[in-house]
Amino acid sequence: MFFFVKVLIAGIIISFASWLSGQYPKLSGFIIALPIASLIAIIFSYYEHQDVEKTVTFTKSILIAVPVSYLFFLPFFFAKPLGMNFWLIYLIGISLLIIGYFLHKYLINLF
């Protein structure tokens, strides 16, 4: 049952931001950039597992992953000057995320 509550809460937040992006894309982008999902996931994780050490490791992983995940957005900055279409931009962003995953894996092992 708790799983479905978590799905519902996460779904509402994402759906709201997606809906809001049609009227206020800048505000919606700001809301998505907030660590709302992380705040909720950290609470859910601790509540579900009651393990401070795992929660701290989870949080460290998030801290490292956030800047690494920005790699996805890089092609969007170069799309207009290079005349790239959406699917090419998106594919390059996903490819950069894959590279970012291995960077994250390396960095998390350092800490």
N, C-alpha and C. Protein backbone atom coordinates (compact mmCIF):
# COMPACT_ATOMS: atom_id res chain seq x y z
N MET A 1 0.82 -1.20 0.00
CA MET A 1 0.00 0.00 0.00
C MET A 1 0.86 1.26 0.00
N PHE A 2 1.94 1.25 0.81
CA PHE A 2 2.82 2.41 0.90
C PHE A 2 3.43 2.72 -0.46
N PHE A 3 3.75 1.69 -1.23
CA PHE A 3 4.31 1.88 -2.56
C PHE A 3 3.35 2.70 -3.43
N PHE A 4 2.09 2.40 -3.39
CA PHE A 4 1.11 3.11 -4.21
C PHE A 4 0.92 4.55 -3.77
N VAL A 5 1.05 4.81 -2.47
CA VAL A 5 1.00 6.19 -1.97
C VAL A 5 2.18 6.98 -2.52
N LYS A 6 3.37 6.35 -2.52
CA LYS A 6 4.56 7.02 -3.05
C LYS A 6 4.40 7.31 -4.54
N VAL A 7 3.87 6.33 -5.27
CA VAL A 7 3.65 6.52 -6.71
C VAL A 7 2.68 7.67 -6.95
N LEU A 8 1.62 7.72 -6.18
CA LEU A 8 0.61 8.77 -6.33
C LEU A 8 1.20 10.15 -6.05
N ILE A 9 1.95 10.30 -4.98
CA ILE A 9 2.55 11.59 -4.63
C ILE A 9 3.52 12.04 -5.72
N ALA A 10 4.43 11.14 -6.14
CA ALA A 10 5.40 11.48 -7.18
C ALA A 10 4.70 11.82 -8.49
N GLY A 11 3.68 11.05 -8.83
CA GLY A 11 2.94 11.30 -10.06
C GLY A 11 2.24 12.64 -10.06
N ILE A 12 1.68 13.02 -8.93
CA ILE A 12 0.99 14.31 -8.82
C ILE A 12 1.99 15.45 -9.02
N ILE A 13 3.15 15.35 -8.40
CA ILE A 13 4.15 16.42 -8.52
C ILE A 13 4.62 16.56 -9.96
N ILE A 14 4.94 15.45 -10.61
CA ILE A 14 5.41 15.49 -11.99
C ILE A 14 4.30 15.98 -12.92
N SER A 15 3.10 15.47 -12.73
CA SER A 15 1.97 15.89 -13.57
C SER A 15 1.67 17.37 -13.41
N PHE A 16 1.74 17.87 -12.19
CA PHE A 16 1.50 19.29 -11.96
C PHE A 16 2.53 20.14 -12.68
N ALA A 17 3.81 19.76 -12.56
CA ALA A 17 4.86 20.54 -13.22
C ALA A 17 4.71 20.49 -14.74
N SER A 18 4.34 19.33 -15.26
CA SER A 18 4.12 19.19 -16.70
C SER A 18 2.96 20.07 -17.16
N TRP A 19 1.87 20.05 -16.43
CA TRP A 19 0.71 20.89 -16.75
C TRP A 19 1.09 22.37 -16.67
N LEU A 20 1.81 22.73 -15.61
CA LEU A 20 2.19 24.12 -15.40
C LEU A 20 3.11 24.64 -16.51
N SER A 21 3.88 23.74 -17.12
CA SER A 21 4.82 24.17 -18.15
C SER A 21 4.12 24.78 -19.37
N GLY A 22 2.85 24.44 -19.57
CA GLY A 22 2.10 25.03 -20.68
C GLY A 22 1.78 26.49 -20.45
N GLN A 23 1.52 26.88 -19.21
CA GLN A 23 1.17 28.26 -18.89
C GLN A 23 2.38 29.07 -18.42
N TYR A 24 3.22 28.45 -17.63
CA TYR A 24 4.37 29.14 -17.03
C TYR A 24 5.61 28.25 -17.12
N PRO A 25 6.23 28.13 -18.31
CA PRO A 25 7.36 27.21 -18.46
C PRO A 25 8.56 27.55 -17.58
N LYS A 26 8.79 28.83 -17.33
CA LYS A 26 9.93 29.21 -16.48
C LYS A 26 9.68 28.79 -15.03
N LEU A 27 8.48 29.02 -14.54
CA LEU A 27 8.13 28.61 -13.17
C LEU A 27 8.17 27.10 -13.04
N SER A 28 7.63 26.41 -14.03
CA SER A 28 7.63 24.94 -14.01
C SER A 28 9.05 24.39 -14.00
N GLY A 29 9.91 24.97 -14.79
CA GLY A 29 11.33 24.55 -14.80
C GLY A 29 11.98 24.77 -13.46
N PHE A 30 11.66 25.89 -12.83
CA PHE A 30 12.22 26.18 -11.51
C PHE A 30 11.72 25.15 -10.48
N ILE A 31 10.44 24.83 -10.53
CA ILE A 31 9.87 23.85 -9.59
C ILE A 31 10.53 22.50 -9.76
N ILE A 32 10.70 22.07 -11.01
CA ILE A 32 11.34 20.78 -11.27
C ILE A 32 12.79 20.79 -10.81
N ALA A 33 13.45 21.95 -10.92
CA ALA A 33 14.85 22.04 -10.51
C ALA A 33 15.01 21.97 -8.99
N LEU A 34 13.95 22.29 -8.26
CA LEU A 34 14.04 22.21 -6.81
C LEU A 34 14.23 20.75 -6.39
N PRO A 35 14.85 20.53 -5.27
CA PRO A 35 15.07 19.15 -4.85
C PRO A 35 13.83 18.51 -4.20
N ILE A 36 12.65 18.84 -4.72
CA ILE A 36 11.42 18.31 -4.14
C ILE A 36 11.42 16.78 -4.21
N ALA A 37 11.75 16.24 -5.37
CA ALA A 37 11.76 14.79 -5.51
C ALA A 37 12.77 14.16 -4.56
N SER A 38 13.93 14.79 -4.41
CA SER A 38 14.94 14.26 -3.50
C SER A 38 14.47 14.32 -2.05
N LEU A 39 13.85 15.44 -1.68
CA LEU A 39 13.34 15.57 -0.31
C LEU A 39 12.33 14.47 0.00
N ILE A 40 11.43 14.24 -0.93
CA ILE A 40 10.40 13.22 -0.73
C ILE A 40 11.04 11.83 -0.71
N ALA A 41 11.94 11.55 -1.67
CA ALA A 41 12.56 10.23 -1.75
C ALA A 41 13.40 9.92 -0.51
N ILE A 42 14.09 10.92 0.02
CA ILE A 42 14.91 10.71 1.22
C ILE A 42 14.02 10.37 2.42
N ILE A 43 12.92 11.07 2.56
CA ILE A 43 11.99 10.76 3.66
C ILE A 43 11.41 9.36 3.48
N PHE A 44 10.94 9.05 2.27
CA PHE A 44 10.39 7.72 2.00
C PHE A 44 11.41 6.63 2.28
N SER A 45 12.64 6.84 1.85
CA SER A 45 13.70 5.85 2.03
C SER A 45 13.95 5.58 3.51
N TYR A 46 14.09 6.67 4.27
CA TYR A 46 14.34 6.48 5.70
C TYR A 46 13.14 5.83 6.39
N TYR A 47 11.95 6.28 6.06
CA TYR A 47 10.74 5.73 6.68
C TYR A 47 10.61 4.24 6.38
N GLU A 48 10.92 3.87 5.15
CA GLU A 48 10.75 2.48 4.72
C GLU A 48 11.83 1.56 5.30
N HIS A 49 13.08 2.03 5.37
CA HIS A 49 14.19 1.16 5.77
C HIS A 49 14.70 1.41 7.18
N GLN A 50 14.42 2.58 7.75
CA GLN A 50 14.88 2.93 9.09
C GLN A 50 16.38 2.69 9.26
N ASP A 51 17.16 3.09 8.25
CA ASP A 51 18.60 2.87 8.26
C ASP A 51 19.30 4.18 7.90
N VAL A 52 19.87 4.83 8.90
CA VAL A 52 20.51 6.13 8.70
C VAL A 52 21.69 6.02 7.74
N GLU A 53 22.50 4.97 7.87
CA GLU A 53 23.67 4.82 7.01
C GLU A 53 23.27 4.71 5.53
N LYS A 54 22.25 3.91 5.23
CA LYS A 54 21.79 3.79 3.85
C LYS A 54 21.20 5.11 3.35
N THR A 55 20.51 5.82 4.22
CA THR A 55 19.93 7.11 3.83
C THR A 55 21.02 8.13 3.54
N VAL A 56 22.07 8.13 4.34
CA VAL A 56 23.19 9.05 4.11
C VAL A 56 23.89 8.71 2.79
N THR A 57 24.12 7.43 2.53
CA THR A 57 24.73 7.01 1.27
C THR A 57 23.85 7.41 0.09
N PHE A 58 22.55 7.21 0.23
CA PHE A 58 21.58 7.60 -0.79
C PHE A 58 21.67 9.10 -1.07
N THR A 59 21.76 9.89 -0.01
CA THR A 59 21.82 11.35 -0.13
C THR A 59 23.13 11.80 -0.78
N LYS A 60 24.24 11.15 -0.42
CA LYS A 60 25.53 11.47 -1.06
C LYS A 60 25.47 11.18 -2.55
N SER A 61 24.84 10.08 -2.89
CA SER A 61 24.69 9.72 -4.31
C SER A 61 23.90 10.79 -5.06
N ILE A 62 22.85 11.29 -4.44
CA ILE A 62 22.05 12.35 -5.05
C ILE A 62 22.91 13.60 -5.24
N LEU A 63 23.68 13.96 -4.22
CA LEU A 63 24.51 15.16 -4.29
C LEU A 63 25.50 15.09 -5.45
N ILE A 64 26.07 13.94 -5.68
CA ILE A 64 27.01 13.78 -6.79
C ILE A 64 26.26 13.70 -8.12
N ALA A 65 25.11 13.05 -8.12
CA ALA A 65 24.36 12.83 -9.36
C ALA A 65 23.74 14.11 -9.93
N VAL A 66 23.38 15.04 -9.08
CA VAL A 66 22.70 16.25 -9.57
C VAL A 66 23.57 17.01 -10.58
N PRO A 67 24.80 17.39 -10.23
CA PRO A 67 25.58 18.11 -11.25
C PRO A 67 25.93 17.23 -12.46
N VAL A 68 26.15 15.94 -12.24
CA VAL A 68 26.44 15.03 -13.35
C VAL A 68 25.25 14.96 -14.30
N SER A 69 24.04 14.98 -13.75
CA SER A 69 22.84 14.87 -14.58
C SER A 69 22.64 16.10 -15.48
N TYR A 70 23.30 17.19 -15.18
CA TYR A 70 23.20 18.38 -16.03
C TYR A 70 23.77 18.14 -17.41
N LEU A 71 24.57 17.10 -17.57
CA LEU A 71 25.10 16.76 -18.89
C LEU A 71 23.98 16.59 -19.91
N PHE A 72 22.83 16.09 -19.46
CA PHE A 72 21.70 15.90 -20.36
C PHE A 72 21.29 17.20 -21.05
N PHE A 73 21.40 18.31 -20.35
CA PHE A 73 20.91 19.59 -20.85
C PHE A 73 21.88 20.30 -21.79
N LEU A 74 23.13 19.90 -21.82
CA LEU A 74 24.13 20.58 -22.65
C LEU A 74 23.73 20.70 -24.12
N PRO A 75 23.28 19.63 -24.77
CA PRO A 75 22.94 19.77 -26.19
C PRO A 75 21.82 20.77 -26.46
N PHE A 76 20.96 20.99 -25.48
CA PHE A 76 19.87 21.95 -25.68
C PHE A 76 20.39 23.38 -25.82
N PHE A 77 21.54 23.67 -25.22
CA PHE A 77 22.13 25.00 -25.34
C PHE A 77 22.73 25.23 -26.73
N PHE A 78 23.13 24.15 -27.37
CA PHE A 78 23.77 24.28 -28.68
C PHE A 78 22.83 23.95 -29.83
N ALA A 79 21.59 23.64 -29.53
CA ALA A 79 20.64 23.21 -30.56
C ALA A 79 20.37 24.28 -31.60
N LYS A 80 20.10 25.47 -31.17
CA LYS A 80 19.72 26.54 -32.12
C LYS A 80 20.89 26.92 -33.03
N PRO A 81 22.07 27.23 -32.46
CA PRO A 81 23.16 27.62 -33.36
C PRO A 81 23.59 26.50 -34.31
N LEU A 82 23.44 25.25 -33.91
CA LEU A 82 23.84 24.13 -34.77
C LEU A 82 22.69 23.59 -35.62
N GLY A 83 21.50 24.14 -35.43
CA GLY A 83 20.34 23.73 -36.22
C GLY A 83 19.92 22.28 -35.98
N MET A 84 20.01 21.85 -34.76
CA MET A 84 19.69 20.46 -34.42
C MET A 84 18.19 20.29 -34.18
N ASN A 85 17.64 19.14 -34.58
CA ASN A 85 16.23 18.88 -34.30
C ASN A 85 16.08 18.27 -32.90
N PHE A 86 14.85 18.21 -32.43
CA PHE A 86 14.59 17.77 -31.06
C PHE A 86 15.13 16.37 -30.79
N TRP A 87 14.88 15.42 -31.68
CA TRP A 87 15.27 14.03 -31.41
C TRP A 87 16.77 13.86 -31.38
N LEU A 88 17.49 14.61 -32.18
CA LEU A 88 18.95 14.55 -32.12
C LEU A 88 19.45 15.12 -30.79
N ILE A 89 18.89 16.25 -30.40
CA ILE A 89 19.26 16.86 -29.12
C ILE A 89 19.00 15.87 -27.99
N TYR A 90 17.82 15.28 -28.01
CA TYR A 90 17.41 14.35 -26.95
C TYR A 90 18.33 13.13 -26.92
N LEU A 91 18.66 12.57 -28.07
CA LEU A 91 19.53 11.40 -28.15
C LEU A 91 20.93 11.72 -27.63
N ILE A 92 21.45 12.86 -28.00
CA ILE A 92 22.77 13.27 -27.51
C ILE A 92 22.72 13.46 -25.99
N GLY A 93 21.63 14.07 -25.50
CA GLY A 93 21.48 14.24 -24.04
C GLY A 93 21.45 12.91 -23.31
N ILE A 94 20.72 11.94 -23.85
CA ILE A 94 20.67 10.60 -23.24
C ILE A 94 22.06 9.96 -23.27
N SER A 95 22.76 10.12 -24.38
CA SER A 95 24.12 9.57 -24.49
C SER A 95 25.04 10.18 -23.44
N LEU A 96 24.91 11.48 -23.24
CA LEU A 96 25.72 12.15 -22.21
C LEU A 96 25.35 11.67 -20.81
N LEU A 97 24.07 11.34 -20.60
CA LEU A 97 23.66 10.79 -19.31
C LEU A 97 24.29 9.43 -19.06
N ILE A 98 24.42 8.63 -20.09
CA ILE A 98 25.07 7.33 -19.94
C ILE A 98 26.52 7.51 -19.53
N ILE A 99 27.19 8.44 -20.17
CA ILE A 99 28.57 8.77 -19.77
C ILE A 99 28.58 9.29 -18.34
N GLY A 100 27.60 10.12 -18.01
CA GLY A 100 27.48 10.66 -16.66
C GLY A 100 27.28 9.58 -15.61
N TYR A 101 26.57 8.52 -15.97
CA TYR A 101 26.38 7.40 -15.04
C TYR A 101 27.72 6.82 -14.62
N PHE A 102 28.60 6.59 -15.59
CA PHE A 102 29.91 6.02 -15.26
C PHE A 102 30.76 7.01 -14.48
N LEU A 103 30.62 8.29 -14.77
CA LEU A 103 31.30 9.32 -13.98
C LEU A 103 30.79 9.30 -12.54
N HIS A 104 29.48 9.21 -12.37
CA HIS A 104 28.87 9.14 -11.04
C HIS A 104 29.37 7.91 -10.29
N LYS A 105 29.38 6.78 -10.97
CA LYS A 105 29.83 5.53 -10.35
C LYS A 105 31.29 5.66 -9.86
N TYR A 106 32.13 6.31 -10.66
CA TYR A 106 33.52 6.53 -10.26
C TYR A 106 33.60 7.46 -9.05
N LEU A 107 32.86 8.58 -9.12
CA LEU A 107 32.92 9.58 -8.04
C LEU A 107 32.36 9.06 -6.73
N ILE A 108 31.27 8.30 -6.79
CA ILE A 108 30.65 7.81 -5.56
C ILE A 108 31.57 6.84 -4.84
N ASN A 109 32.40 6.12 -5.59
CA ASN A 109 33.35 5.20 -4.98
C ASN A 109 34.51 5.92 -4.30
N LEU A 110 34.74 7.19 -4.67
CA LEU A 110 35.78 7.97 -4.01
C LEU A 110 35.37 8.41 -2.61
N PHE A 111 34.06 8.55 -2.43
CA PHE A 111 33.54 9.04 -1.14
C PHE A 111 32.88 7.91 -0.42
